[in-house]
Amino acid sequence: MTDLPPDRNTSDDSNPDTGVRRHRGPVAGAPRWVKVFGIIAVVLVLLFVISHLAGGGMGGHTP
């Protein structure tokens, strides 16, 4: 079996003639709005927990 020549673009995406890197396309991961809502949810949960630990509780709902 013959060996295939190495692919020029596997280790480096830069063009040797121009020195410009090619755009690789979209990055895998969660969209920005999902990250923003996640951060907001974490902050609200932390505020709720801190309020309860500080003795604030649920206000006047306890006898």
PDB file of N, CA and C in Angstrom:
ATOM      1  N   MET A   1       0.853  -1.170   0.000  1.00  0.00           N
ATOM      2  CA  MET A   1       0.000   0.000   0.000  1.00  0.00           C
ATOM      3  C   MET A   1       0.900   1.235   0.000  1.00  0.00           C
ATOM      4  N   THR A   2       0.533   2.224  -0.781  1.00  0.00           N
ATOM      5  CA  THR A   2       1.350   3.429  -0.862  1.00  0.00           C
ATOM      6  C   THR A   2       0.933   4.419   0.209  1.00  0.00           C
ATOM      7  N   ASP A   3       1.902   5.141   0.698  1.00  0.00           N
ATOM      8  CA  ASP A   3       1.627   6.164   1.699  1.00  0.00           C
ATOM      9  C   ASP A   3       1.128   7.424   1.024  1.00  0.00           C
ATOM     10  N   LEU A   4       0.111   8.022   1.642  1.00  0.00           N
ATOM     11  CA  LEU A   4      -0.409   9.279   1.126  1.00  0.00           C
ATOM     12  C   LEU A   4       0.481  10.425   1.568  1.00  0.00           C
ATOM     13  N   PRO A   5       0.608  11.453   0.732  1.00  0.00           N
ATOM     14  CA  PRO A   5       1.410  12.615   1.160  1.00  0.00           C
ATOM     15  C   PRO A   5       0.726  13.315   2.318  1.00  0.00           C
ATOM     16  N   PRO A   6       1.491  13.921   3.207  1.00  0.00           N
ATOM     17  CA  PRO A   6       0.881  14.613   4.353  1.00  0.00           C
ATOM     18  C   PRO A   6       0.042  15.795   3.894  1.00  0.00           C
ATOM     19  N   ASP A   7      -1.059  15.989   4.605  1.00  0.00           N
ATOM     20  CA  ASP A   7      -1.939  17.114   4.311  1.00  0.00           C
ATOM     21  C   ASP A   7      -1.305  18.386   4.852  1.00  0.00           C
ATOM     22  N   ARG A   8      -1.192  19.396   4.011  1.00  0.00           N
ATOM     23  CA  ARG A   8      -0.527  20.637   4.422  1.00  0.00           C
ATOM     24  C   ARG A   8      -1.302  21.404   5.481  1.00  0.00           C
ATOM     25  N   ASN A   9      -2.622  21.225   5.541  1.00  0.00           N
ATOM     26  CA  ASN A   9      -3.451  22.050   6.426  1.00  0.00           C
ATOM     27  C   ASN A   9      -3.832  21.361   7.730  1.00  0.00           C
ATOM     28  N   THR A  10      -3.236  20.219   8.053  1.00  0.00           N
ATOM     29  CA  THR A  10      -3.645  19.537   9.268  1.00  0.00           C
ATOM     30  C   THR A  10      -3.038  20.145  10.514  1.00  0.00           C
ATOM     31  N   SER A  11      -1.821  20.623  10.465  1.00  0.00           N
ATOM     32  CA  SER A  11      -1.180  21.125  11.673  1.00  0.00           C
ATOM     33  C   SER A  11      -1.243  22.640  11.802  1.00  0.00           C
ATOM     34  N   ASP A  12      -1.389  23.344  10.694  1.00  0.00           N
ATOM     35  CA  ASP A  12      -1.374  24.805  10.749  1.00  0.00           C
ATOM     36  C   ASP A  12      -2.328  25.343   9.698  1.00  0.00           C
ATOM     37  N   ASP A  13      -3.199  26.245  10.089  1.00  0.00           N
ATOM     38  CA  ASP A  13      -4.161  26.822   9.153  1.00  0.00           C
ATOM     39  C   ASP A  13      -3.657  28.097   8.493  1.00  0.00           C
ATOM     40  N   SER A  14      -2.435  28.472   8.741  1.00  0.00           N
ATOM     41  CA  SER A  14      -1.942  29.709   8.146  1.00  0.00           C
ATOM     42  C   SER A  14      -1.474  29.447   6.724  1.00  0.00           C
ATOM     43  N   ASN A  15      -1.673  30.422   5.898  1.00  0.00           N
ATOM     44  CA  ASN A  15      -1.229  30.349   4.516  1.00  0.00           C
ATOM     45  C   ASN A  15       0.226  30.801   4.467  1.00  0.00           C
ATOM     46  N   PRO A  16       1.148  29.953   3.992  1.00  0.00           N
ATOM     47  CA  PRO A  16       2.557  30.341   4.001  1.00  0.00           C
ATOM     48  C   PRO A  16       2.859  31.517   3.075  1.00  0.00           C
ATOM     49  N   ASP A  17       1.995  31.728   2.067  1.00  0.00           N
ATOM     50  CA  ASP A  17       2.255  32.823   1.130  1.00  0.00           C
ATOM     51  C   ASP A  17       1.861  34.177   1.716  1.00  0.00           C
ATOM     52  N   THR A  18       0.743  34.228   2.456  1.00  0.00           N
ATOM     53  CA  THR A  18       0.250  35.511   2.955  1.00  0.00           C
ATOM     54  C   THR A  18       0.399  35.656   4.455  1.00  0.00           C
ATOM     55  N   GLY A  19       0.509  34.549   5.184  1.00  0.00           N
ATOM     56  CA  GLY A  19       0.585  34.611   6.631  1.00  0.00           C
ATOM     57  C   GLY A  19      -0.763  34.845   7.280  1.00  0.00           C
ATOM     58  N   VAL A  20      -1.841  34.763   6.491  1.00  0.00           N
ATOM     59  CA  VAL A  20      -3.188  34.999   6.998  1.00  0.00           C
ATOM     60  C   VAL A  20      -3.824  33.654   7.324  1.00  0.00           C
ATOM     61  N   ARG A  21      -4.470  33.595   8.472  1.00  0.00           N
ATOM     62  CA  ARG A  21      -5.137  32.354   8.868  1.00  0.00           C
ATOM     63  C   ARG A  21      -6.534  32.295   8.267  1.00  0.00           C
ATOM     64  N   ARG A  22      -6.935  31.102   7.892  1.00  0.00           N
ATOM     65  CA  ARG A  22      -8.272  30.927   7.350  1.00  0.00           C
ATOM     66  C   ARG A  22      -9.286  30.891   8.482  1.00  0.00           C
ATOM     67  N   HIS A  23     -10.512  31.313   8.164  1.00  0.00           N
ATOM     68  CA  HIS A  23     -11.592  31.256   9.149  1.00  0.00           C
ATOM     69  C   HIS A  23     -12.024  29.812   9.284  1.00  0.00           C
ATOM     70  N   ARG A  24     -12.125  29.306  10.511  1.00  0.00           N
ATOM     71  CA  ARG A  24     -12.432  27.908  10.741  1.00  0.00           C
ATOM     72  C   ARG A  24     -13.926  27.637  10.854  1.00  0.00           C
ATOM     73  N   GLY A  25     -14.771  28.641  10.801  1.00  0.00           N
ATOM     74  CA  GLY A  25     -16.210  28.418  10.910  1.00  0.00           C
ATOM     75  C   GLY A  25     -16.682  28.636  12.336  1.00  0.00           C
ATOM     76  N   PRO A  26     -17.953  28.308  12.583  1.00  0.00           N
ATOM     77  CA  PRO A  26     -18.510  28.530  13.923  1.00  0.00           C
ATOM     78  C   PRO A  26     -17.862  27.620  14.962  1.00  0.00           C
ATOM     79  N   VAL A  27     -17.759  28.154  16.168  1.00  0.00           N
ATOM     80  CA  VAL A  27     -17.181  27.413  17.276  1.00  0.00           C
ATOM     81  C   VAL A  27     -18.295  26.626  17.958  1.00  0.00           C
ATOM     82  N   ALA A  28     -18.036  25.380  18.258  1.00  0.00           N
ATOM     83  CA  ALA A  28     -19.044  24.559  18.926  1.00  0.00           C
ATOM     84  C   ALA A  28     -19.228  25.041  20.355  1.00  0.00           C
ATOM     85  N   GLY A  29     -20.442  25.057  20.823  1.00  0.00           N
ATOM     86  CA  GLY A  29     -20.726  25.492  22.188  1.00  0.00           C
ATOM     87  C   GLY A  29     -22.118  26.086  22.270  1.00  0.00           C
ATOM     88  N   ALA A  30     -22.472  26.494  23.466  1.00  0.00           N
ATOM     89  CA  ALA A  30     -23.795  27.056  23.685  1.00  0.00           C
ATOM     90  C   ALA A  30     -23.873  28.471  23.110  1.00  0.00           C
ATOM     91  N   PRO A  31     -25.042  28.855  22.608  1.00  0.00           N
ATOM     92  CA  PRO A  31     -25.223  30.227  22.131  1.00  0.00           C
ATOM     93  C   PRO A  31     -25.097  31.223  23.281  1.00  0.00           C
ATOM     94  N   ARG A  32     -24.851  32.453  22.938  1.00  0.00           N
ATOM     95  CA  ARG A  32     -24.646  33.501  23.941  1.00  0.00           C
ATOM     96  C   ARG A  32     -25.858  33.683  24.834  1.00  0.00           C
ATOM     97  N   TRP A  33     -27.072  33.600  24.272  1.00  0.00           N
ATOM     98  CA  TRP A  33     -28.272  33.823  25.092  1.00  0.00           C
ATOM     99  C   TRP A  33     -28.431  32.738  26.144  1.00  0.00           C
ATOM    100  N   VAL A  34     -28.000  31.531  25.854  1.00  0.00           N
ATOM    101  CA  VAL A  34     -28.080  30.457  26.840  1.00  0.00           C
ATOM    102  C   VAL A  34     -27.125  30.744  27.993  1.00  0.00           C
ATOM    103  N   LYS A  35     -25.930  31.212  27.673  1.00  0.00           N
ATOM    104  CA  LYS A  35     -24.950  31.536  28.713  1.00  0.00           C
ATOM    105  C   LYS A  35     -25.445  32.689  29.582  1.00  0.00           C
ATOM    106  N   VAL A  36     -26.058  33.702  28.961  1.00  0.00           N
ATOM    107  CA  VAL A  36     -26.563  34.861  29.711  1.00  0.00           C
ATOM    108  C   VAL A  36     -27.674  34.433  30.663  1.00  0.00           C
ATOM    109  N   PHE A  37     -28.636  33.646  30.173  1.00  0.00           N
ATOM    110  CA  PHE A  37     -29.716  33.186  31.043  1.00  0.00           C
ATOM    111  C   PHE A  37     -29.183  32.274  32.144  1.00  0.00           C
ATOM    112  N   GLY A  38     -28.184  31.481  31.849  1.00  0.00           N
ATOM    113  CA  GLY A  38     -27.584  30.632  32.872  1.00  0.00           C
ATOM    114  C   GLY A  38     -26.939  31.442  33.972  1.00  0.00           C
ATOM    115  N   ILE A  39     -26.219  32.496  33.591  1.00  0.00           N
ATOM    116  CA  ILE A  39     -25.572  33.364  34.577  1.00  0.00           C
ATOM    117  C   ILE A  39     -26.619  34.068  35.432  1.00  0.00           C
ATOM    118  N   ILE A  40     -27.689  34.556  34.791  1.00  0.00           N
ATOM    119  CA  ILE A  40     -28.759  35.224  35.537  1.00  0.00           C
ATOM    120  C   ILE A  40     -29.408  34.248  36.519  1.00  0.00           C
ATOM    121  N   ALA A  41     -29.647  33.020  36.085  1.00  0.00           N
ATOM    122  CA  ALA A  41     -30.269  32.025  36.967  1.00  0.00           C
ATOM    123  C   ALA A  41     -29.370  31.717  38.161  1.00  0.00           C
ATOM    124  N   VAL A  42     -28.083  31.586  37.938  1.00  0.00           N
ATOM    125  CA  VAL A  42     -27.143  31.310  39.033  1.00  0.00           C
ATOM    126  C   VAL A  42     -27.128  32.468  40.021  1.00  0.00           C
ATOM    127  N   VAL A  43     -27.126  33.690  39.526  1.00  0.00           N
ATOM    128  CA  VAL A  43     -27.120  34.865  40.398  1.00  0.00           C
ATOM    129  C   VAL A  43     -28.394  34.915  41.239  1.00  0.00           C
ATOM    130  N   LEU A  44     -29.549  34.640  40.632  1.00  0.00           N
ATOM    131  CA  LEU A  44     -30.801  34.660  41.391  1.00  0.00           C
ATOM    132  C   LEU A  44     -30.827  33.574  42.461  1.00  0.00           C
ATOM    133  N   VAL A  45     -30.336  32.395  42.137  1.00  0.00           N
ATOM    134  CA  VAL A  45     -30.290  31.321  43.128  1.00  0.00           C
ATOM    135  C   VAL A  45     -29.353  31.702  44.271  1.00  0.00           C
ATOM    136  N   LEU A  46     -28.211  32.269  43.953  1.00  0.00           N
ATOM    137  CA  LEU A  46     -27.278  32.693  44.998  1.00  0.00           C
ATOM    138  C   LEU A  46     -27.888  33.767  45.894  1.00  0.00           C
ATOM    139  N   LEU A  47     -28.604  34.726  45.314  1.00  0.00           N
ATOM    140  CA  LEU A  47     -29.265  35.756  46.114  1.00  0.00           C
ATOM    141  C   LEU A  47     -30.316  35.146  47.028  1.00  0.00           C
ATOM    142  N   PHE A  48     -31.065  34.169  46.538  1.00  0.00           N
ATOM    143  CA  PHE A  48     -32.075  33.490  47.341  1.00  0.00           C
ATOM    144  C   PHE A  48     -31.427  32.748  48.509  1.00  0.00           C
ATOM    145  N   VAL A  49     -30.353  32.026  48.241  1.00  0.00           N
ATOM    146  CA  VAL A  49     -29.665  31.276  49.294  1.00  0.00           C
ATOM    147  C   VAL A  49     -29.055  32.218  50.326  1.00  0.00           C
ATOM    148  N   ILE A  50     -28.423  33.286  49.867  1.00  0.00           N
ATOM    149  CA  ILE A  50     -27.810  34.247  50.792  1.00  0.00           C
ATOM    150  C   ILE A  50     -28.878  34.907  51.648  1.00  0.00           C
ATOM    151  N   SER A  51     -30.034  35.219  51.045  1.00  0.00           N
ATOM    152  CA  SER A  51     -31.130  35.827  51.806  1.00  0.00           C
ATOM    153  C   SER A  51     -31.611  34.890  52.914  1.00  0.00           C
ATOM    154  N   HIS A  52     -31.746  33.623  52.615  1.00  0.00           N
ATOM    155  CA  HIS A  52     -32.185  32.664  53.633  1.00  0.00           C
ATOM    156  C   HIS A  52     -31.131  32.457  54.706  1.00  0.00           C
ATOM    157  N   LEU A  53     -29.876  32.392  54.326  1.00  0.00           N
ATOM    158  CA  LEU A  53     -28.813  32.202  55.310  1.00  0.00           C
ATOM    159  C   LEU A  53     -28.640  33.421  56.216  1.00  0.00           C
ATOM    160  N   ALA A  54     -28.975  34.600  55.685  1.00  0.00           N
ATOM    161  CA  ALA A  54     -28.843  35.817  56.469  1.00  0.00           C
ATOM    162  C   ALA A  54     -30.036  36.039  57.401  1.00  0.00           C
ATOM    163  N   GLY A  55     -31.031  35.166  57.325  1.00  0.00           N
ATOM    164  CA  GLY A  55     -32.174  35.291  58.216  1.00  0.00           C
ATOM    165  C   GLY A  55     -33.353  35.985  57.601  1.00  0.00           C
ATOM    166  N   GLY A  56     -33.275  36.364  56.357  1.00  0.00           N
ATOM    167  CA  GLY A  56     -34.371  37.035  55.690  1.00  0.00           C
ATOM    168  C   GLY A  56     -35.539  36.115  55.434  1.00  0.00           C
ATOM    169  N   GLY A  57     -35.221  34.870  55.092  1.00  0.00           N
ATOM    170  CA  GLY A  57     -36.261  33.879  54.873  1.00  0.00           C
ATOM    171  C   GLY A  57     -37.227  34.300  53.791  1.00  0.00           C
ATOM    172  N   MET A  58     -38.499  33.973  54.001  1.00  0.00           N
ATOM    173  CA  MET A  58     -39.532  34.307  53.032  1.00  0.00           C
ATOM    174  C   MET A  58     -40.340  35.510  53.518  1.00  0.00           C
ATOM    175  N   GLY A  59     -39.787  36.331  54.338  1.00  0.00           N
ATOM    176  CA  GLY A  59     -40.497  37.499  54.821  1.00  0.00           C
ATOM    177  C   GLY A  59     -41.468  37.155  55.922  1.00  0.00           C
ATOM    178  N   GLY A  60     -42.746  37.481  55.760  1.00  0.00           N
ATOM    179  CA  GLY A  60     -43.753  37.268  56.790  1.00  0.00           C
ATOM    180  C   GLY A  60     -44.525  35.976  56.633  1.00  0.00           C
ATOM    181  N   HIS A  61     -43.990  35.000  55.948  1.00  0.00           N
ATOM    182  CA  HIS A  61     -44.716  33.763  55.725  1.00  0.00           C
ATOM    183  C   HIS A  61     -44.565  32.758  56.858  1.00  0.00           C
ATOM    184  N   THR A  62     -43.763  33.038  57.841  1.00  0.00           N
ATOM    185  CA  THR A  62     -43.588  32.094  58.953  1.00  0.00           C
ATOM    186  C   THR A  62     -44.420  32.564  60.160  1.00  0.00           C
ATOM    187  N   PRO A  63     -44.988  31.624  60.944  1.00  0.00           N
ATOM    188  CA  PRO A  63     -45.826  32.030  62.093  1.00  0.00           C
ATOM    189  C   PRO A  63     -45.013  32.632  63.219  1.00  0.00           C
TER     190      PRO A  63
END
